[in-house]
């Protein structure tokens, strides 16, 4: 069983504290694509401090692409063993990358044991809720249909989904209420970023 931490990075402190307090074997650090100077400096210090005892990897992600970051996190999580202990460390750095990491963890909650934040003042480990999207099979199928046929209307969805009208309306309402889909003025549906992440 490996102890794995996946962390965003801006300042070295929260990542160093998480790795040392939790005894990481593997540390995956989400950095900007391309890596900025502040992150380069922090990475150099982290490597110098931990590299003899912790395997360190970087995962480059566009700093403002929440969905893209979440996709990369999902792909990473799916490569770990069920026996691995995975902790996600949300840092105070780039908020959009932290959200991508968090949403990727939510999309594959079964692979994540713990989600934490390290307080800046006291370096205290604060546990964050481990949530999941809890979509039904019908809702996932509907999200797939909407993504394949962007801007589908209700008639198209009814025809392609094979759902009864009442089930379709119920699922559409639920997905819309949770912010996974949106409807335009022509009554056509499309996925929001939240819907794209939930579908991962």
N, C-alpha and C. Protein backbone atom coordinates (compact mmCIF):
# COMPACT_ATOMS: atom_id res chain seq x y z
N UNK A 1 0.84 -1.18 0.00
CA UNK A 1 0.00 0.00 0.00
C UNK A 1 0.89 1.24 0.00
N UNK A 2 0.67 2.09 -0.98
CA UNK A 2 1.41 3.35 -1.06
C UNK A 2 0.60 4.47 -0.43
N UNK A 3 1.28 5.39 0.22
CA UNK A 3 0.64 6.61 0.73
C UNK A 3 0.90 7.70 -0.30
N UNK A 4 -0.18 8.14 -0.93
CA UNK A 4 -0.08 9.07 -2.05
C UNK A 4 -0.75 10.39 -1.67
N UNK A 5 -0.08 11.49 -1.99
CA UNK A 5 -0.68 12.81 -1.84
C UNK A 5 -0.69 13.47 -3.21
N UNK A 6 -1.84 14.03 -3.56
CA UNK A 6 -1.97 14.84 -4.77
C UNK A 6 -2.23 16.26 -4.28
N UNK A 7 -1.40 17.19 -4.71
CA UNK A 7 -1.47 18.54 -4.16
C UNK A 7 -1.33 19.59 -5.26
N UNK A 8 -2.02 20.70 -5.09
CA UNK A 8 -1.74 21.85 -5.93
C UNK A 8 -0.54 22.56 -5.31
N UNK A 9 0.03 23.51 -6.03
CA UNK A 9 1.24 24.17 -5.53
C UNK A 9 1.26 25.64 -5.89
N UNK A 10 1.51 26.44 -4.89
CA UNK A 10 1.88 27.83 -5.11
C UNK A 10 3.06 28.11 -4.18
N UNK A 11 2.80 27.98 -2.89
CA UNK A 11 3.86 28.11 -1.89
C UNK A 11 4.28 26.72 -1.45
N UNK A 12 5.52 26.56 -1.09
CA UNK A 12 6.05 25.24 -0.72
C UNK A 12 5.47 24.71 0.59
N UNK A 13 5.12 25.59 1.53
CA UNK A 13 4.75 25.18 2.89
C UNK A 13 3.62 24.16 2.97
N UNK A 14 2.43 24.43 2.40
CA UNK A 14 1.33 23.46 2.57
C UNK A 14 1.66 22.07 2.01
N UNK A 15 2.41 22.03 0.93
CA UNK A 15 2.76 20.75 0.32
C UNK A 15 3.79 20.02 1.18
N UNK A 16 4.79 20.74 1.67
CA UNK A 16 5.79 20.14 2.55
C UNK A 16 5.15 19.63 3.84
N UNK A 17 4.28 20.44 4.43
CA UNK A 17 3.62 20.05 5.67
C UNK A 17 2.78 18.80 5.46
N UNK A 18 2.00 18.76 4.38
CA UNK A 18 1.15 17.59 4.10
C UNK A 18 2.01 16.34 3.93
N UNK A 19 3.08 16.45 3.15
CA UNK A 19 3.93 15.28 2.88
C UNK A 19 4.61 14.77 4.14
N UNK A 20 5.05 15.67 5.01
CA UNK A 20 5.75 15.24 6.22
C UNK A 20 4.77 14.78 7.31
N UNK A 21 3.67 15.49 7.49
CA UNK A 21 2.71 15.09 8.53
C UNK A 21 2.00 13.78 8.20
N UNK A 22 1.76 13.55 6.91
CA UNK A 22 1.01 12.36 6.52
C UNK A 22 1.91 11.21 6.06
N UNK A 23 3.20 11.44 6.00
CA UNK A 23 4.14 10.38 5.65
C UNK A 23 3.96 9.84 4.25
N UNK A 24 3.98 10.71 3.26
CA UNK A 24 3.76 10.30 1.87
C UNK A 24 4.92 9.48 1.32
N UNK A 25 4.57 8.48 0.49
CA UNK A 25 5.56 7.74 -0.30
C UNK A 25 5.69 8.35 -1.69
N UNK A 26 4.55 8.86 -2.19
CA UNK A 26 4.48 9.45 -3.53
C UNK A 26 3.77 10.79 -3.41
N UNK A 27 4.32 11.79 -4.08
CA UNK A 27 3.75 13.13 -4.06
C UNK A 27 3.56 13.59 -5.50
N UNK A 28 2.30 13.80 -5.88
CA UNK A 28 1.95 14.31 -7.20
C UNK A 28 1.57 15.78 -7.03
N UNK A 29 2.28 16.65 -7.73
CA UNK A 29 2.08 18.08 -7.57
C UNK A 29 1.51 18.66 -8.87
N UNK A 30 0.34 19.29 -8.76
CA UNK A 30 -0.31 19.92 -9.91
C UNK A 30 0.28 21.32 -10.06
N UNK A 31 0.88 21.57 -11.22
CA UNK A 31 1.52 22.86 -11.49
C UNK A 31 0.97 23.46 -12.78
N UNK A 32 1.26 24.74 -12.98
CA UNK A 32 0.82 25.42 -14.20
C UNK A 32 1.49 24.82 -15.44
N UNK A 33 0.82 24.93 -16.55
CA UNK A 33 1.39 24.55 -17.84
C UNK A 33 1.47 25.81 -18.69
N UNK A 34 2.65 26.41 -18.83
CA UNK A 34 3.96 26.01 -18.32
C UNK A 34 4.14 26.40 -16.85
N UNK A 35 5.08 25.73 -16.20
CA UNK A 35 5.36 25.98 -14.78
C UNK A 35 5.89 27.41 -14.63
N UNK A 36 5.31 28.16 -13.67
CA UNK A 36 5.77 29.54 -13.48
C UNK A 36 6.98 29.59 -12.53
N UNK A 37 7.60 30.76 -12.43
CA UNK A 37 8.83 30.91 -11.64
C UNK A 37 8.62 30.61 -10.16
N UNK A 38 7.50 31.06 -9.60
CA UNK A 38 7.21 30.81 -8.19
C UNK A 38 7.12 29.32 -7.93
N UNK A 39 6.44 28.61 -8.81
CA UNK A 39 6.31 27.16 -8.66
C UNK A 39 7.65 26.46 -8.86
N UNK A 40 8.47 26.94 -9.80
CA UNK A 40 9.80 26.35 -10.02
C UNK A 40 10.63 26.42 -8.74
N UNK A 41 10.59 27.57 -8.09
CA UNK A 41 11.34 27.76 -6.85
C UNK A 41 10.82 26.83 -5.76
N UNK A 42 9.49 26.78 -5.60
CA UNK A 42 8.88 25.92 -4.59
C UNK A 42 9.19 24.45 -4.87
N UNK A 43 9.11 24.04 -6.14
CA UNK A 43 9.42 22.66 -6.52
C UNK A 43 10.86 22.29 -6.19
N UNK A 44 11.78 23.20 -6.45
CA UNK A 44 13.19 22.94 -6.15
C UNK A 44 13.39 22.70 -4.65
N UNK A 45 12.74 23.50 -3.82
CA UNK A 45 12.87 23.34 -2.36
C UNK A 45 12.22 22.03 -1.91
N UNK A 46 11.05 21.72 -2.46
CA UNK A 46 10.36 20.47 -2.11
C UNK A 46 11.22 19.27 -2.49
N UNK A 47 11.78 19.30 -3.70
CA UNK A 47 12.63 18.19 -4.14
C UNK A 47 13.87 18.06 -3.25
N UNK A 48 14.49 19.17 -2.96
CA UNK A 48 15.69 19.15 -2.12
C UNK A 48 15.38 18.59 -0.73
N UNK A 49 14.21 18.92 -0.21
CA UNK A 49 13.82 18.51 1.14
C UNK A 49 13.34 17.06 1.20
N UNK A 50 12.57 16.62 0.20
CA UNK A 50 11.87 15.34 0.30
C UNK A 50 12.35 14.22 -0.63
N UNK A 51 13.07 14.56 -1.67
CA UNK A 51 13.32 13.60 -2.75
C UNK A 51 14.02 12.31 -2.30
N UNK A 52 14.75 12.34 -1.21
CA UNK A 52 15.42 11.12 -0.75
C UNK A 52 14.45 10.10 -0.16
N UNK A 53 13.28 10.57 0.29
CA UNK A 53 12.32 9.66 0.93
C UNK A 53 10.96 9.60 0.24
N UNK A 54 10.69 10.54 -0.65
CA UNK A 54 9.39 10.60 -1.33
C UNK A 54 9.61 10.69 -2.84
N UNK A 55 8.87 9.88 -3.60
CA UNK A 55 8.92 10.01 -5.06
C UNK A 55 8.02 11.18 -5.45
N UNK A 56 8.59 12.10 -6.21
CA UNK A 56 7.88 13.34 -6.55
C UNK A 56 7.63 13.40 -8.05
N UNK A 57 6.37 13.69 -8.40
CA UNK A 57 5.96 13.80 -9.80
C UNK A 57 5.23 15.14 -9.97
N UNK A 58 5.29 15.67 -11.18
CA UNK A 58 4.49 16.87 -11.46
C UNK A 58 3.45 16.53 -12.52
N UNK A 59 2.35 17.22 -12.42
CA UNK A 59 1.25 17.08 -13.37
C UNK A 59 0.92 18.48 -13.84
N UNK A 60 1.26 18.78 -15.10
CA UNK A 60 1.01 20.12 -15.61
C UNK A 60 -0.43 20.27 -16.08
N UNK A 61 -1.03 21.39 -15.71
CA UNK A 61 -2.41 21.68 -16.09
C UNK A 61 -2.55 23.17 -16.36
N UNK A 62 -3.36 23.51 -17.34
CA UNK A 62 -3.59 24.92 -17.62
C UNK A 62 -4.21 25.56 -16.38
N UNK A 63 -3.69 26.71 -15.97
CA UNK A 63 -4.13 27.28 -14.69
C UNK A 63 -5.62 27.65 -14.60
N UNK A 64 -6.29 27.84 -15.74
CA UNK A 64 -7.70 28.24 -15.69
C UNK A 64 -8.65 27.24 -16.32
N UNK A 65 -8.17 26.04 -16.59
CA UNK A 65 -9.02 25.01 -17.20
C UNK A 65 -9.45 24.02 -16.13
N UNK A 66 -10.54 24.32 -15.46
CA UNK A 66 -11.02 23.49 -14.35
C UNK A 66 -11.39 22.09 -14.85
N UNK A 67 -12.10 22.01 -15.96
CA UNK A 67 -12.52 20.71 -16.49
C UNK A 67 -11.30 19.90 -16.93
N UNK A 68 -10.35 20.54 -17.61
CA UNK A 68 -9.14 19.84 -18.04
C UNK A 68 -8.32 19.32 -16.87
N UNK A 69 -8.21 20.11 -15.81
CA UNK A 69 -7.50 19.67 -14.61
C UNK A 69 -8.23 18.49 -13.98
N UNK A 70 -9.55 18.58 -13.87
CA UNK A 70 -10.34 17.48 -13.30
C UNK A 70 -10.14 16.20 -14.11
N UNK A 71 -10.12 16.31 -15.44
CA UNK A 71 -9.89 15.14 -16.31
C UNK A 71 -8.54 14.49 -16.00
N UNK A 72 -7.51 15.32 -15.85
CA UNK A 72 -6.17 14.79 -15.56
C UNK A 72 -6.14 14.10 -14.20
N UNK A 73 -6.85 14.65 -13.23
CA UNK A 73 -6.90 14.05 -11.90
C UNK A 73 -7.64 12.71 -11.95
N UNK A 74 -8.75 12.66 -12.68
CA UNK A 74 -9.50 11.41 -12.83
C UNK A 74 -8.60 10.33 -13.45
N UNK A 75 -7.89 10.69 -14.52
CA UNK A 75 -6.99 9.72 -15.18
C UNK A 75 -5.90 9.25 -14.21
N UNK A 76 -5.37 10.16 -13.42
CA UNK A 76 -4.33 9.80 -12.45
C UNK A 76 -4.90 8.86 -11.38
N UNK A 77 -6.04 9.21 -10.82
CA UNK A 77 -6.65 8.39 -9.76
C UNK A 77 -6.96 6.98 -10.25
N UNK A 78 -7.38 6.84 -11.49
CA UNK A 78 -7.74 5.52 -12.02
C UNK A 78 -6.53 4.61 -12.19
N UNK A 79 -5.32 5.16 -12.10
CA UNK A 79 -4.10 4.35 -12.20
C UNK A 79 -3.63 3.79 -10.86
N UNK A 80 -4.22 4.23 -9.77
CA UNK A 80 -3.80 3.77 -8.45
C UNK A 80 -4.48 2.46 -8.09
N UNK A 81 -3.85 1.73 -7.19
CA UNK A 81 -4.40 0.47 -6.69
C UNK A 81 -5.46 0.77 -5.63
N UNK A 82 -6.40 -0.14 -5.47
CA UNK A 82 -7.42 0.02 -4.42
C UNK A 82 -6.80 0.00 -3.03
N UNK A 83 -5.62 -0.58 -2.91
CA UNK A 83 -4.94 -0.65 -1.62
C UNK A 83 -4.22 0.65 -1.26
N UNK A 84 -3.99 1.52 -2.25
CA UNK A 84 -3.29 2.77 -1.99
C UNK A 84 -4.14 3.69 -1.12
N UNK A 85 -3.47 4.48 -0.30
CA UNK A 85 -4.14 5.48 0.53
C UNK A 85 -3.89 6.83 -0.12
N UNK A 86 -4.94 7.43 -0.69
CA UNK A 86 -4.80 8.67 -1.45
C UNK A 86 -5.39 9.84 -0.68
N UNK A 87 -4.57 10.87 -0.50
CA UNK A 87 -5.00 12.11 0.13
C UNK A 87 -4.87 13.23 -0.90
N UNK A 88 -5.91 14.04 -1.01
CA UNK A 88 -5.90 15.20 -1.89
C UNK A 88 -5.69 16.42 -1.01
N UNK A 89 -4.66 17.21 -1.33
CA UNK A 89 -4.32 18.41 -0.56
C UNK A 89 -4.68 19.65 -1.38
N UNK A 90 -5.69 20.36 -0.93
CA UNK A 90 -6.13 21.58 -1.59
C UNK A 90 -5.36 22.74 -0.96
N UNK A 91 -4.57 23.45 -1.76
CA UNK A 91 -3.76 24.55 -1.22
C UNK A 91 -4.36 25.89 -1.60
N UNK A 92 -3.79 26.93 -1.05
CA UNK A 92 -4.32 28.28 -1.28
C UNK A 92 -3.78 28.92 -2.55
N UNK A 93 -3.09 28.19 -3.36
CA UNK A 93 -2.52 28.75 -4.59
C UNK A 93 -3.57 29.13 -5.60
N UNK A 94 -3.41 28.67 -6.80
CA UNK A 94 -4.32 29.00 -7.89
C UNK A 94 -5.67 28.34 -7.63
N UNK A 95 -6.69 29.14 -7.39
CA UNK A 95 -8.01 28.62 -7.01
C UNK A 95 -8.61 27.71 -8.07
N UNK A 96 -8.44 28.07 -9.34
CA UNK A 96 -9.05 27.26 -10.40
C UNK A 96 -8.41 25.88 -10.47
N UNK A 97 -7.10 25.78 -10.25
CA UNK A 97 -6.46 24.46 -10.23
C UNK A 97 -6.91 23.67 -9.02
N UNK A 98 -7.05 24.34 -7.88
CA UNK A 98 -7.53 23.66 -6.68
C UNK A 98 -8.94 23.12 -6.90
N UNK A 99 -9.77 23.90 -7.57
CA UNK A 99 -11.13 23.43 -7.88
C UNK A 99 -11.09 22.23 -8.82
N UNK A 100 -10.23 22.28 -9.84
CA UNK A 100 -10.10 21.15 -10.75
C UNK A 100 -9.67 19.89 -10.01
N UNK A 101 -8.71 20.03 -9.09
CA UNK A 101 -8.27 18.90 -8.27
C UNK A 101 -9.41 18.39 -7.40
N UNK A 102 -10.12 19.30 -6.76
CA UNK A 102 -11.22 18.92 -5.88
C UNK A 102 -12.34 18.22 -6.67
N UNK A 103 -12.71 18.77 -7.81
CA UNK A 103 -13.79 18.17 -8.61
C UNK A 103 -13.37 16.83 -9.20
N UNK A 104 -12.10 16.70 -9.57
CA UNK A 104 -11.61 15.40 -10.03
C UNK A 104 -11.70 14.36 -8.92
N UNK A 105 -11.39 14.79 -7.69
CA UNK A 105 -11.51 13.89 -6.53
C UNK A 105 -12.97 13.52 -6.29
N UNK A 106 -13.88 14.47 -6.47
CA UNK A 106 -15.31 14.17 -6.32
C UNK A 106 -15.78 13.20 -7.39
N UNK A 107 -15.26 13.36 -8.61
CA UNK A 107 -15.68 12.49 -9.72
C UNK A 107 -15.22 11.05 -9.51
N UNK A 108 -14.15 10.85 -8.76
CA UNK A 108 -13.65 9.50 -8.45
C UNK A 108 -13.46 9.35 -6.95
N UNK A 109 -14.48 9.71 -6.20
CA UNK A 109 -14.42 9.70 -4.74
C UNK A 109 -14.03 8.34 -4.17
N UNK A 110 -14.37 7.26 -4.87
CA UNK A 110 -14.06 5.92 -4.35
C UNK A 110 -12.55 5.66 -4.29
N UNK A 111 -11.75 6.43 -5.04
CA UNK A 111 -10.30 6.27 -5.03
C UNK A 111 -9.62 7.15 -3.99
N UNK A 112 -10.36 8.07 -3.39
CA UNK A 112 -9.78 9.07 -2.49
C UNK A 112 -10.16 8.74 -1.05
N UNK A 113 -9.17 8.69 -0.18
CA UNK A 113 -9.43 8.41 1.23
C UNK A 113 -9.67 9.67 2.05
N UNK A 114 -9.05 10.76 1.62
CA UNK A 114 -9.11 11.96 2.44
C UNK A 114 -8.86 13.20 1.58
N UNK A 115 -9.56 14.29 1.89
CA UNK A 115 -9.33 15.58 1.24
C UNK A 115 -9.01 16.56 2.36
N UNK A 116 -7.88 17.26 2.23
CA UNK A 116 -7.43 18.13 3.32
C UNK A 116 -7.06 19.53 2.82
N UNK A 117 -6.96 20.43 3.78
CA UNK A 117 -6.41 21.77 3.58
C UNK A 117 -5.49 22.02 4.76
N UNK A 118 -4.31 22.57 4.52
CA UNK A 118 -3.36 22.89 5.59
C UNK A 118 -3.51 24.37 5.92
N UNK A 119 -3.85 24.68 7.18
CA UNK A 119 -4.01 26.09 7.55
C UNK A 119 -2.66 26.80 7.44
N UNK A 120 -2.71 28.03 6.95
CA UNK A 120 -1.47 28.78 6.73
C UNK A 120 -0.81 29.21 8.03
N UNK A 121 -1.61 29.54 9.03
CA UNK A 121 -1.06 30.07 10.28
C UNK A 121 -0.44 28.98 11.16
N UNK A 122 -1.19 27.93 11.41
CA UNK A 122 -0.77 26.92 12.38
C UNK A 122 -0.29 25.63 11.73
N UNK A 123 -0.39 25.54 10.41
CA UNK A 123 -0.07 24.31 9.68
C UNK A 123 -0.87 23.12 10.21
N UNK A 124 -2.12 23.41 10.52
CA UNK A 124 -3.03 22.38 11.03
C UNK A 124 -3.72 21.71 9.84
N UNK A 125 -3.87 20.39 9.91
CA UNK A 125 -4.56 19.64 8.86
C UNK A 125 -6.06 19.75 9.11
N UNK A 126 -6.76 20.30 8.12
CA UNK A 126 -8.21 20.45 8.21
C UNK A 126 -8.84 19.50 7.19
N UNK A 127 -9.67 18.60 7.66
CA UNK A 127 -10.34 17.67 6.75
C UNK A 127 -11.52 18.35 6.07
N UNK A 128 -11.60 18.19 4.76
CA UNK A 128 -12.70 18.72 3.97
C UNK A 128 -13.65 17.57 3.63
N UNK A 129 -14.90 17.89 3.33
CA UNK A 129 -15.85 16.81 3.02
C UNK A 129 -15.48 16.09 1.73
N UNK A 130 -15.66 14.79 1.74
CA UNK A 130 -15.44 13.97 0.55
C UNK A 130 -16.81 13.73 -0.08
N UNK A 131 -17.09 14.46 -1.12
CA UNK A 131 -18.39 14.39 -1.77
C UNK A 131 -18.29 13.60 -3.07
N UNK A 132 -19.45 13.23 -3.60
CA UNK A 132 -19.49 12.63 -4.93
C UNK A 132 -20.74 13.15 -5.63
N UNK A 133 -20.82 12.92 -6.92
CA UNK A 133 -21.94 13.46 -7.68
C UNK A 133 -23.21 12.62 -7.57
N UNK A 134 -23.08 11.34 -7.23
CA UNK A 134 -24.22 10.44 -7.02
C UNK A 134 -25.27 10.51 -8.13
N UNK A 135 -24.83 10.40 -9.36
CA UNK A 135 -25.76 10.39 -10.48
C UNK A 135 -26.26 8.98 -10.73
N UNK A 136 -27.51 8.89 -11.14
CA UNK A 136 -28.06 7.58 -11.49
C UNK A 136 -27.55 7.20 -12.88
N UNK A 137 -27.71 5.94 -13.22
CA UNK A 137 -27.31 5.47 -14.55
C UNK A 137 -28.07 6.23 -15.64
N UNK A 138 -29.35 6.50 -15.40
CA UNK A 138 -30.17 7.24 -16.37
C UNK A 138 -29.65 8.67 -16.55
N UNK A 139 -29.24 9.30 -15.46
CA UNK A 139 -28.72 10.66 -15.55
C UNK A 139 -27.39 10.71 -16.28
N UNK A 140 -26.54 9.73 -16.03
CA UNK A 140 -25.25 9.66 -16.74
C UNK A 140 -25.50 9.46 -18.23
N UNK A 141 -26.43 8.57 -18.57
CA UNK A 141 -26.78 8.32 -19.97
C UNK A 141 -27.30 9.60 -20.63
N UNK A 142 -28.11 10.33 -19.91
CA UNK A 142 -28.67 11.58 -20.43
C UNK A 142 -27.58 12.63 -20.64
N UNK A 143 -26.64 12.73 -19.70
CA UNK A 143 -25.51 13.66 -19.87
C UNK A 143 -24.70 13.28 -21.11
N UNK A 144 -24.50 11.99 -21.32
CA UNK A 144 -23.76 11.53 -22.51
C UNK A 144 -24.50 11.92 -23.78
N UNK A 145 -25.82 11.75 -23.79
CA UNK A 145 -26.63 12.11 -24.96
C UNK A 145 -26.53 13.61 -25.25
N UNK A 146 -26.61 14.41 -24.20
CA UNK A 146 -26.55 15.86 -24.37
C UNK A 146 -25.17 16.27 -24.87
N UNK A 147 -24.12 15.63 -24.33
CA UNK A 147 -22.77 15.98 -24.77
C UNK A 147 -22.54 15.59 -26.23
N UNK A 148 -23.03 14.43 -26.63
CA UNK A 148 -22.86 13.97 -28.02
C UNK A 148 -23.61 14.87 -28.99
N UNK A 149 -24.79 15.28 -28.60
CA UNK A 149 -25.65 16.10 -29.47
C UNK A 149 -25.86 17.45 -28.80
N UNK A 150 -24.78 18.19 -28.70
CA UNK A 150 -24.85 19.49 -28.04
C UNK A 150 -26.03 20.29 -28.58
N UNK A 151 -26.71 20.91 -27.69
CA UNK A 151 -27.89 21.72 -28.00
C UNK A 151 -29.07 20.87 -28.50
N UNK A 152 -29.24 19.69 -27.91
CA UNK A 152 -30.40 18.87 -28.20
C UNK A 152 -31.64 19.48 -27.56
N UNK A 153 -32.77 19.27 -28.21
CA UNK A 153 -34.01 19.71 -27.57
C UNK A 153 -34.67 18.50 -26.92
N UNK A 154 -35.77 18.72 -26.23
CA UNK A 154 -36.43 17.66 -25.47
C UNK A 154 -36.90 16.52 -26.36
N UNK A 155 -37.40 16.83 -27.54
CA UNK A 155 -37.87 15.78 -28.46
C UNK A 155 -36.72 14.88 -28.89
N UNK A 156 -35.57 15.49 -29.23
CA UNK A 156 -34.39 14.71 -29.62
C UNK A 156 -33.96 13.79 -28.47
N UNK A 157 -33.93 14.36 -27.27
CA UNK A 157 -33.49 13.58 -26.12
C UNK A 157 -34.45 12.43 -25.82
N UNK A 158 -35.74 12.68 -25.95
CA UNK A 158 -36.73 11.63 -25.70
C UNK A 158 -36.54 10.49 -26.70
N UNK A 159 -36.30 10.84 -27.94
CA UNK A 159 -36.12 9.84 -29.00
C UNK A 159 -34.83 9.04 -28.79
N UNK A 160 -33.73 9.72 -28.48
CA UNK A 160 -32.42 9.07 -28.39
C UNK A 160 -32.18 8.35 -27.07
N UNK A 161 -32.80 8.81 -26.00
CA UNK A 161 -32.50 8.24 -24.68
C UNK A 161 -33.27 6.95 -24.40
N UNK A 162 -34.42 6.79 -25.02
CA UNK A 162 -35.23 5.60 -24.76
C UNK A 162 -35.95 5.66 -23.42
N UNK A 163 -35.95 6.81 -22.77
CA UNK A 163 -36.63 6.97 -21.48
C UNK A 163 -38.08 7.36 -21.71
N UNK A 164 -38.91 7.01 -20.74
CA UNK A 164 -40.28 7.50 -20.79
C UNK A 164 -40.25 9.01 -20.60
N UNK A 165 -41.28 9.69 -21.07
CA UNK A 165 -41.31 11.16 -20.94
C UNK A 165 -41.23 11.60 -19.48
N UNK A 166 -41.94 10.90 -18.60
CA UNK A 166 -41.93 11.30 -17.19
C UNK A 166 -40.53 11.14 -16.58
N UNK A 167 -39.85 10.03 -16.92
CA UNK A 167 -38.49 9.82 -16.40
C UNK A 167 -37.55 10.86 -16.99
N UNK A 168 -37.71 11.16 -18.27
CA UNK A 168 -36.87 12.16 -18.93
C UNK A 168 -37.05 13.52 -18.26
N UNK A 169 -38.29 13.95 -18.06
CA UNK A 169 -38.56 15.25 -17.42
C UNK A 169 -37.96 15.29 -16.01
N UNK A 170 -38.14 14.22 -15.26
CA UNK A 170 -37.62 14.16 -13.88
C UNK A 170 -36.09 14.28 -13.88
N UNK A 171 -35.43 13.54 -14.79
CA UNK A 171 -33.97 13.60 -14.86
C UNK A 171 -33.47 14.96 -15.35
N UNK A 172 -34.14 15.51 -16.35
CA UNK A 172 -33.76 16.84 -16.85
C UNK A 172 -33.87 17.87 -15.74
N UNK A 173 -34.98 17.85 -15.01
CA UNK A 173 -35.20 18.80 -13.92
C UNK A 173 -34.11 18.66 -12.85
N UNK A 174 -33.79 17.42 -12.48
CA UNK A 174 -32.77 17.17 -11.46
C UNK A 174 -31.40 17.66 -11.93
N UNK A 175 -31.03 17.35 -13.16
CA UNK A 175 -29.73 17.77 -13.70
C UNK A 175 -29.64 19.29 -13.82
N UNK A 176 -30.74 19.90 -14.21
CA UNK A 176 -30.77 21.36 -14.33
C UNK A 176 -30.70 22.01 -12.94
N UNK A 177 -31.45 21.48 -11.98
CA UNK A 177 -31.44 22.02 -10.61
C UNK A 177 -30.05 21.94 -9.97
N UNK A 178 -29.28 20.91 -10.33
CA UNK A 178 -27.94 20.74 -9.77
C UNK A 178 -26.86 21.44 -10.59
N UNK A 179 -27.26 22.13 -11.65
CA UNK A 179 -26.31 22.91 -12.44
C UNK A 179 -25.46 22.10 -13.40
N UNK A 180 -25.90 20.87 -13.75
CA UNK A 180 -25.14 20.04 -14.67
C UNK A 180 -25.49 20.32 -16.13
N UNK A 181 -26.68 20.83 -16.37
CA UNK A 181 -27.09 21.19 -17.74
C UNK A 181 -27.74 22.57 -17.71
N UNK A 182 -27.79 23.18 -18.89
CA UNK A 182 -28.51 24.45 -19.01
C UNK A 182 -29.34 24.41 -20.29
N UNK A 183 -30.36 25.22 -20.30
CA UNK A 183 -31.25 25.29 -21.46
C UNK A 183 -31.21 26.71 -22.00
N UNK A 184 -31.11 26.83 -23.32
CA UNK A 184 -31.07 28.17 -23.91
C UNK A 184 -32.48 28.64 -24.29
N UNK A 185 -32.58 29.80 -24.92
CA UNK A 185 -33.88 30.39 -25.26
C UNK A 185 -34.65 29.57 -26.29
N UNK A 186 -33.94 28.73 -27.05
CA UNK A 186 -34.60 27.87 -28.03
C UNK A 186 -34.92 26.49 -27.45
N UNK A 187 -34.87 26.37 -26.13
CA UNK A 187 -35.17 25.12 -25.41
C UNK A 187 -34.22 23.99 -25.80
N UNK A 188 -32.95 24.33 -26.05
CA UNK A 188 -31.93 23.33 -26.35
C UNK A 188 -31.03 23.18 -25.14
N UNK A 189 -30.63 21.94 -24.88
CA UNK A 189 -29.84 21.62 -23.69
C UNK A 189 -28.37 21.46 -24.04
N UNK A 190 -27.51 21.87 -23.10
CA UNK A 190 -26.08 21.64 -23.23
C UNK A 190 -25.50 21.45 -21.83
N UNK A 191 -24.32 20.83 -21.77
CA UNK A 191 -23.67 20.59 -20.49
C UNK A 191 -22.97 21.85 -19.99
N UNK A 192 -23.04 22.07 -18.70
CA UNK A 192 -22.22 23.10 -18.07
C UNK A 192 -20.86 22.46 -17.76
N UNK A 193 -19.91 23.25 -17.27
CA UNK A 193 -18.63 22.66 -16.86
C UNK A 193 -18.86 21.63 -15.75
N UNK A 194 -19.80 21.92 -14.85
CA UNK A 194 -20.12 20.95 -13.79
C UNK A 194 -20.62 19.64 -14.38
N UNK A 195 -21.43 19.72 -15.42
CA UNK A 195 -21.93 18.52 -16.10
C UNK A 195 -20.82 17.75 -16.77
N UNK A 196 -19.87 18.47 -17.36
CA UNK A 196 -18.73 17.81 -18.00
C UNK A 196 -17.89 17.08 -16.96
N UNK A 197 -17.72 17.69 -15.80
CA UNK A 197 -16.93 17.07 -14.73
C UNK A 197 -17.68 15.87 -14.15
N UNK A 198 -18.98 16.02 -13.91
CA UNK A 198 -19.77 14.93 -13.34
C UNK A 198 -19.79 13.72 -14.25
N UNK A 199 -19.67 13.95 -15.54
CA UNK A 199 -19.71 12.88 -16.53
C UNK A 199 -18.38 12.13 -16.65
N UNK A 200 -17.30 12.67 -16.07
CA UNK A 200 -15.98 12.04 -16.20
C UNK A 200 -15.97 10.61 -15.67
